[in-house]
Amino acid sequence: MYSNAFNFASFLQTGVDLRTGQYSASFPLVSLRSFHEQGSEHTLTLGFSMMNPLDVGFGIGWGLSGLSSYTDSDIATQPTLSLSTGETYLVEPLPSESGEVTLRDKKLNDVYVYKQDANTLLVAYKDGTLETLSRLASGVPFQQTVRQLPSGERFTFEYAPPIGQVMRLASILDSEGVERLRLDSSNGVQVDTIYTRQSATTESQLRLQYINGALTESRRVSSEDDSIVNYTYIELGEQLALASVTHPLGGQEQLVYQIEGHQVGSLSQTSFLPYVIEWKRIPGGTQPLTTLRYTYSADTNFTGFPFNGSPSLEYDNLYDQPGEYDY
């Protein structure tokens, strides 16, 4: 489902997004920056979203954030660009030769996208960061293969062979050829261990365990840390959602959902999109628990329901609403 509501920063943080009612959880993997000088950096995270129905090597709903990709018309009815900053945009038809790429619904002049050739897109951000997106195989999205920071530090991204339409990141190397991130898989499908280098002298591992294909435990191991986070899930119709997250020191987050949540008509097989109605945070020890409860308008929501015309999964239907629309 496409909505510009998912482009707001609050959706990218751990917790409940107030606009959509969706709970997401994420944690940082590695910061891409120079080891030798101060400057900008970019963090890759592993995160869960119930809006993500795919298993790209980390269990259903889990994926890497902080990478750009482009899905063209050979794969999807409506081409889509997902940026490393977290925004996702529908893309107008690419120029036949080289030239600027037009992003639909883009409100700020903070990114420029250019088609270099049939297999390469260039992305330039206003802070001076440059990215290269490349077609690495037919039938799969363009993947980010280069990121160059304003300081000139350059990172190269390598990928495992595609499985269907999924290409999984395999490693990231810096300008000196040092491996900053490596994802290992014993069966070629699910990632078992993520190795990261946070500094010239500091390494860590993130070990992942699965039950029936679902990520149930992540264990971070380093010279300074050995911490475990556990996850449980609940099936909400056609979606998988997190039911609880247990933190290393015993604190726990528990979620309760409204299964028949936002009305979305034909955008869902059930006509509803579930949302969180209660988020309980239990610190453990003698600290008091915190309970947050959420309510949403029954007849309108961030999807633009009831729709003005036939709704689309690949377009923000809210833009088709004439006049004022409150939710």
Protein backbone atom coordinates (compact mmCIF):
# COMPACT_ATOMS: atom_id res chain seq x y z
CA MET A 1 0.00 0.00 0.00
CA TYR A 2 1.30 3.45 -0.94
CA SER A 3 0.73 6.52 1.22
CA ASN A 4 2.77 9.66 1.73
CA ALA A 5 2.04 9.23 5.47
CA PHE A 6 4.83 6.63 5.51
CA ASN A 7 7.30 9.36 4.47
CA PHE A 8 7.05 11.17 7.82
CA ALA A 9 10.02 10.72 10.15
CA SER A 10 7.95 9.32 13.01
CA PHE A 11 7.17 6.20 11.01
CA LEU A 12 10.89 5.42 10.92
CA GLN A 13 11.29 5.36 14.70
CA THR A 14 10.56 2.48 17.05
CA GLY A 15 7.04 2.77 18.40
CA VAL A 16 3.55 3.53 17.14
CA ASP A 17 3.07 5.96 14.29
CA LEU A 18 0.21 8.28 15.24
CA ARG A 19 -0.93 8.84 11.65
CA THR A 20 -1.22 5.19 10.67
CA GLY A 21 -1.44 3.28 13.96
CA GLN A 22 1.33 0.94 12.83
CA TYR A 23 3.98 -0.35 15.25
CA SER A 24 7.52 -0.61 13.92
CA ALA A 25 10.74 -1.75 15.57
CA SER A 26 14.26 -1.12 14.36
CA PHE A 27 17.84 -1.07 15.56
CA PRO A 28 21.06 0.23 14.00
CA LEU A 29 23.53 -2.09 12.32
CA VAL A 30 26.41 0.07 11.09
CA SER A 31 27.22 3.74 10.56
CA LEU A 32 28.92 4.50 7.25
CA ARG A 33 31.48 7.21 7.94
CA SER A 34 35.17 7.86 7.64
CA PHE A 35 37.43 6.32 10.29
CA HIS A 36 40.01 9.07 9.75
CA GLU A 37 38.13 12.38 9.89
CA GLN A 38 34.97 13.99 11.22
CA GLY A 39 32.09 14.34 8.82
CA SER A 40 28.67 13.12 7.86
CA GLU A 41 27.59 9.53 8.42
CA HIS A 42 24.73 7.30 7.38
CA THR A 43 23.25 4.49 9.47
CA LEU A 44 21.82 1.24 8.16
CA THR A 45 19.17 -0.38 10.34
CA LEU A 46 17.30 -3.66 10.51
CA GLY A 47 13.65 -2.97 11.10
CA PHE A 48 10.18 -4.50 11.19
CA SER A 49 7.02 -3.14 9.61
CA MET A 50 3.68 -4.93 9.44
CA MET A 51 3.19 -3.20 6.08
CA ASN A 52 6.03 -5.31 4.69
CA PRO A 53 4.68 -8.75 3.63
CA LEU A 54 8.03 -9.99 2.30
CA ASP A 55 10.80 -12.17 3.67
CA VAL A 56 14.04 -10.80 2.25
CA GLY A 57 16.29 -12.95 4.41
CA PHE A 58 15.38 -11.76 7.93
CA GLY A 59 11.89 -13.20 8.38
CA ILE A 60 8.55 -11.77 7.23
CA GLY A 61 8.26 -8.03 7.82
CA TRP A 62 11.94 -7.42 8.53
CA GLY A 63 14.22 -5.57 6.16
CA LEU A 64 17.18 -3.25 5.88
CA SER A 65 16.58 0.50 6.00
CA GLY A 66 19.07 3.03 4.72
CA LEU A 67 19.43 1.64 1.18
CA SER A 68 17.98 3.11 -1.99
CA SER A 69 16.34 0.96 -4.68
CA TYR A 70 14.25 1.42 -7.80
CA THR A 71 11.48 -0.92 -8.97
CA ASP A 72 10.84 -0.38 -12.67
CA SER A 73 7.86 -1.09 -14.92
CA ASP A 74 9.20 -4.54 -15.77
CA ILE A 75 8.36 -5.59 -12.20
CA ALA A 76 5.55 -3.30 -11.03
CA THR A 77 2.64 -1.54 -12.70
CA GLN A 78 3.82 1.74 -11.20
CA PRO A 79 7.61 2.28 -10.91
CA THR A 80 8.71 3.19 -7.39
CA LEU A 81 11.86 4.75 -5.95
CA SER A 82 12.73 4.02 -2.31
CA LEU A 83 15.40 6.36 -0.95
CA SER A 84 18.00 5.67 1.73
CA THR A 85 16.51 8.57 3.71
CA GLY A 86 13.29 6.58 4.18
CA GLU A 87 11.00 8.24 1.64
CA THR A 88 9.26 6.30 -1.13
CA TYR A 89 8.01 7.96 -4.31
CA LEU A 90 6.11 6.90 -7.38
CA VAL A 91 8.15 7.64 -10.50
CA GLU A 92 6.97 9.09 -13.78
CA PRO A 93 8.11 7.23 -16.93
CA LEU A 94 11.88 7.48 -17.33
CA PRO A 95 13.33 9.47 -20.22
CA SER A 96 14.10 7.30 -23.24
CA GLU A 97 17.74 8.33 -23.15
CA SER A 98 19.57 10.00 -20.27
CA GLY A 99 17.91 12.78 -18.28
CA GLU A 100 16.19 13.88 -15.08
CA VAL A 101 13.77 11.50 -13.37
CA THR A 102 10.49 12.97 -12.09
CA LEU A 103 9.20 11.88 -8.68
CA ARG A 104 5.49 12.14 -7.98
CA ASP A 105 4.34 13.73 -4.68
CA LYS A 106 7.80 15.14 -3.92
CA LYS A 107 7.22 18.39 -2.03
CA LEU A 108 10.79 19.45 -1.21
CA ASN A 109 13.64 20.16 -3.59
CA ASP A 110 16.07 18.06 -1.57
CA VAL A 111 16.96 15.25 -3.98
CA TYR A 112 17.75 15.01 -7.69
CA VAL A 113 17.52 11.76 -9.66
CA TYR A 114 19.15 11.29 -13.06
CA LYS A 115 19.01 8.40 -15.52
CA GLN A 116 22.54 7.80 -16.75
CA ASP A 117 21.74 4.82 -18.97
CA ALA A 118 19.34 1.87 -19.17
CA ASN A 119 20.98 0.17 -16.20
CA THR A 120 22.04 3.10 -14.00
CA LEU A 121 20.34 5.81 -11.95
CA LEU A 122 22.20 8.53 -10.05
CA VAL A 123 20.78 10.12 -6.90
CA ALA A 124 22.11 13.42 -5.54
CA TYR A 125 21.05 14.83 -2.15
CA LYS A 126 21.24 18.47 -1.15
CA ASP A 127 23.94 17.72 1.46
CA GLY A 128 26.28 16.51 -1.29
CA THR A 129 25.77 12.76 -0.84
CA LEU A 130 25.76 10.80 -4.11
CA GLU A 131 24.34 7.33 -4.78
CA THR A 132 24.45 4.96 -7.73
CA LEU A 133 21.60 2.51 -8.35
CA SER A 134 22.35 -0.34 -10.75
CA ARG A 135 20.41 -3.08 -12.50
CA LEU A 136 22.34 -6.16 -11.36
CA ALA A 137 20.05 -8.79 -12.88
CA SER A 138 16.92 -8.92 -14.99
CA GLY A 139 13.60 -9.15 -13.18
CA VAL A 140 14.84 -7.57 -9.93
CA PRO A 141 14.84 -3.95 -8.69
CA PHE A 142 17.81 -1.65 -9.21
CA GLN A 143 20.02 -1.83 -6.12
CA GLN A 144 22.26 0.75 -4.48
CA THR A 145 25.83 -0.11 -5.44
CA VAL A 146 27.72 3.06 -4.40
CA ARG A 147 27.34 5.74 -1.73
CA GLN A 148 29.73 8.68 -1.67
CA LEU A 149 29.69 11.03 1.31
CA PRO A 150 30.30 14.79 0.97
CA SER A 151 33.78 14.17 2.43
CA GLY A 152 34.61 11.97 -0.54
CA GLU A 153 34.47 8.70 1.42
CA ARG A 154 33.08 6.06 -0.92
CA PHE A 155 31.29 2.82 -0.02
CA THR A 156 30.63 -0.09 -2.36
CA PHE A 157 27.68 -2.46 -1.89
CA GLU A 158 27.83 -6.10 -2.97
CA TYR A 159 24.88 -8.49 -3.26
CA ALA A 160 24.14 -12.19 -3.09
CA PRO A 161 22.63 -13.88 -6.17
CA PRO A 162 18.92 -13.08 -6.55
CA ILE A 163 16.19 -15.38 -5.25
CA GLY A 164 13.13 -14.60 -7.32
CA GLN A 165 12.78 -10.81 -7.26
CA VAL A 166 14.81 -10.43 -4.07
CA MET A 167 18.45 -9.37 -4.00
CA ARG A 168 19.99 -9.46 -0.54
CA LEU A 169 22.86 -7.27 0.50
CA ALA A 170 26.00 -9.34 1.10
CA SER A 171 28.64 -6.79 2.16
CA ILE A 172 29.72 -3.14 2.23
CA LEU A 173 33.32 -2.09 1.62
CA ASP A 174 34.84 1.34 2.21
CA SER A 175 37.31 3.27 0.05
CA GLU A 176 40.24 1.28 1.45
CA GLY A 177 38.59 -2.07 0.85
CA VAL A 178 37.77 -2.62 4.53
CA GLU A 179 34.63 -4.66 5.05
CA ARG A 180 32.25 -2.55 7.16
CA LEU A 181 29.30 -4.97 6.99
CA ARG A 182 28.89 -8.63 6.02
CA LEU A 183 25.74 -10.75 6.07
CA ASP A 184 26.26 -14.52 6.26
CA SER A 185 23.67 -17.17 5.47
CA SER A 186 24.23 -20.89 6.06
CA ASN A 187 21.36 -21.93 3.77
CA GLY A 188 21.60 -19.14 1.21
CA VAL A 189 18.17 -17.79 2.19
CA GLN A 190 18.00 -16.59 5.80
CA VAL A 191 20.72 -14.41 7.30
CA ASP A 192 22.28 -16.06 10.36
CA THR A 193 24.97 -13.56 11.34
CA ILE A 194 25.62 -9.90 10.56
CA TYR A 195 29.22 -8.76 11.09
CA THR A 196 29.85 -5.04 11.52
CA ARG A 197 32.92 -2.87 12.00
CA GLN A 198 32.07 0.32 13.88
CA SER A 199 35.64 1.64 14.08
CA ALA A 200 39.13 0.68 12.99
CA THR A 201 39.45 -1.50 16.10
CA THR A 202 35.87 -2.45 17.03
CA GLU A 203 33.87 -5.33 15.56
CA SER A 204 30.56 -6.84 16.56
CA GLN A 205 28.18 -9.58 15.52
CA LEU A 206 24.40 -9.76 15.36
CA ARG A 207 23.20 -13.36 15.50
CA LEU A 208 19.66 -14.08 14.33
CA GLN A 209 17.45 -17.05 15.21
CA TYR A 210 14.19 -18.07 13.53
CA ILE A 211 11.21 -20.30 14.27
CA ASN A 212 9.02 -21.30 11.32
CA GLY A 213 10.64 -18.56 9.25
CA ALA A 214 9.93 -15.78 11.78
CA LEU A 215 12.75 -13.85 13.47
CA THR A 216 12.41 -14.63 17.18
CA GLU A 217 15.78 -13.58 18.62
CA SER A 218 18.55 -11.13 17.83
CA ARG A 219 21.75 -11.34 19.85
CA ARG A 220 24.39 -8.64 19.63
CA VAL A 221 27.88 -9.86 20.56
CA SER A 222 30.93 -7.61 20.90
CA SER A 223 33.86 -7.05 23.25
CA GLU A 224 31.64 -4.72 25.29
CA ASP A 225 28.19 -6.21 24.90
CA ASP A 226 26.24 -9.47 24.78
CA SER A 227 22.57 -8.59 24.63
CA ILE A 228 19.49 -10.48 23.48
CA VAL A 229 16.14 -9.20 22.18
CA ASN A 230 13.19 -11.58 21.70
CA TYR A 231 10.15 -11.13 19.46
CA THR A 232 6.69 -12.72 19.31
CA TYR A 233 4.05 -12.19 16.65
CA ILE A 234 0.34 -12.25 16.00
CA GLU A 235 -1.43 -12.90 12.69
CA LEU A 236 -3.97 -10.19 11.86
CA GLY A 237 -5.79 -11.46 8.79
CA GLU A 238 -3.34 -11.14 5.90
CA GLN A 239 -0.73 -9.33 7.99
CA LEU A 240 1.87 -10.36 10.54
CA ALA A 241 2.38 -7.97 13.46
CA LEU A 242 4.66 -7.86 16.46
CA ALA A 243 2.86 -8.88 19.66
CA SER A 244 5.75 -8.31 22.06
CA VAL A 245 9.39 -7.26 22.21
CA THR A 246 11.53 -8.30 25.21
CA HIS A 247 14.66 -6.23 25.78
CA PRO A 248 18.05 -7.36 27.16
CA LEU A 249 17.46 -6.20 30.75
CA GLY A 250 14.00 -7.76 30.91
CA GLY A 251 11.86 -4.79 29.89
CA GLN A 252 9.02 -5.67 27.59
CA GLU A 253 6.72 -3.99 25.10
CA GLN A 254 3.29 -5.52 24.51
CA LEU A 255 0.90 -4.61 21.70
CA VAL A 256 -2.86 -5.01 21.31
CA TYR A 257 -4.45 -4.44 17.88
CA GLN A 258 -7.82 -3.59 16.43
CA ILE A 259 -8.09 -6.24 13.71
CA GLU A 260 -10.96 -4.51 11.89
CA GLY A 261 -9.05 -1.23 12.01
CA HIS A 262 -8.90 1.45 9.31
CA GLN A 263 -11.44 0.94 6.56
CA VAL A 264 -9.54 0.58 3.28
CA GLY A 265 -12.08 -1.05 0.96
CA SER A 266 -10.53 -2.96 -1.93
CA LEU A 267 -6.99 -2.05 -0.84
CA SER A 268 -7.11 -5.11 1.44
CA GLN A 269 -8.70 -8.54 1.10
CA THR A 270 -10.36 -7.99 4.47
CA SER A 271 -11.34 -4.35 3.71
CA PHE A 272 -9.52 -3.30 6.90
CA LEU A 273 -6.00 -2.35 7.97
CA PRO A 274 -5.28 -3.30 11.61
CA TYR A 275 -3.87 -0.71 13.96
CA VAL A 276 -2.55 -0.58 17.53
CA ILE A 277 -5.08 0.27 20.23
CA GLU A 278 -2.78 -0.38 23.22
CA TRP A 279 0.99 -0.18 23.65
CA LYS A 280 2.19 -1.31 27.06
CA ARG A 281 5.79 -0.70 28.14
CA ILE A 282 6.95 -2.70 31.17
CA PRO A 283 10.42 -1.54 32.32
CA GLY A 284 10.89 -4.26 34.92
CA GLY A 285 12.28 -3.94 38.43
CA THR A 286 10.44 -1.39 40.54
CA GLN A 287 9.74 1.06 37.71
CA PRO A 288 6.08 1.64 36.85
CA LEU A 289 4.65 0.41 33.55
CA THR A 290 3.35 2.81 30.93
CA THR A 291 0.22 2.13 28.89
CA LEU A 292 -0.68 4.18 25.81
CA ARG A 293 -4.08 3.75 24.16
CA TYR A 294 -5.02 4.89 20.68
CA THR A 295 -8.31 5.70 18.99
CA TYR A 296 -8.93 6.66 15.37
CA SER A 297 -11.81 8.13 13.42
CA ALA A 298 -14.14 5.40 12.19
CA ASP A 299 -15.04 6.72 8.75
CA THR A 300 -11.88 8.45 7.51
CA ASN A 301 -8.15 7.67 7.75
CA PHE A 302 -4.74 8.30 6.21
CA THR A 303 -5.55 6.18 3.12
CA GLY A 304 -8.21 8.65 1.94
CA PHE A 305 -11.16 6.33 2.60
CA PRO A 306 -13.94 6.63 1.43
CA PHE A 307 -12.19 7.02 -1.88
CA ASN A 308 -12.95 9.47 -4.64
CA GLY A 309 -13.05 6.95 -7.49
CA SER A 310 -11.33 3.58 -7.75
CA PRO A 311 -8.49 3.29 -5.21
CA SER A 312 -4.97 2.22 -6.12
CA LEU A 313 -2.37 0.35 -4.09
CA GLU A 314 0.37 2.23 -5.95
CA TYR A 315 -0.87 5.79 -5.43
CA ASP A 316 -1.66 7.96 -2.42
CA ASN A 317 -5.44 8.09 -2.75
CA LEU A 318 -5.59 10.95 -0.24
CA TYR A 319 -4.51 13.32 -3.03
CA ASP A 320 -7.73 12.55 -4.92
CA GLN A 321 -9.92 13.92 -2.13
CA PRO A 322 -11.55 17.23 -3.14
CA GLY A 323 -11.67 20.00 -0.56
CA GLU A 324 -11.09 19.34 3.14
CA TYR A 325 -10.53 15.83 4.45
CA ASP A 326 -10.16 15.25 8.19
CA TYR A 327 -9.08 12.15 10.08
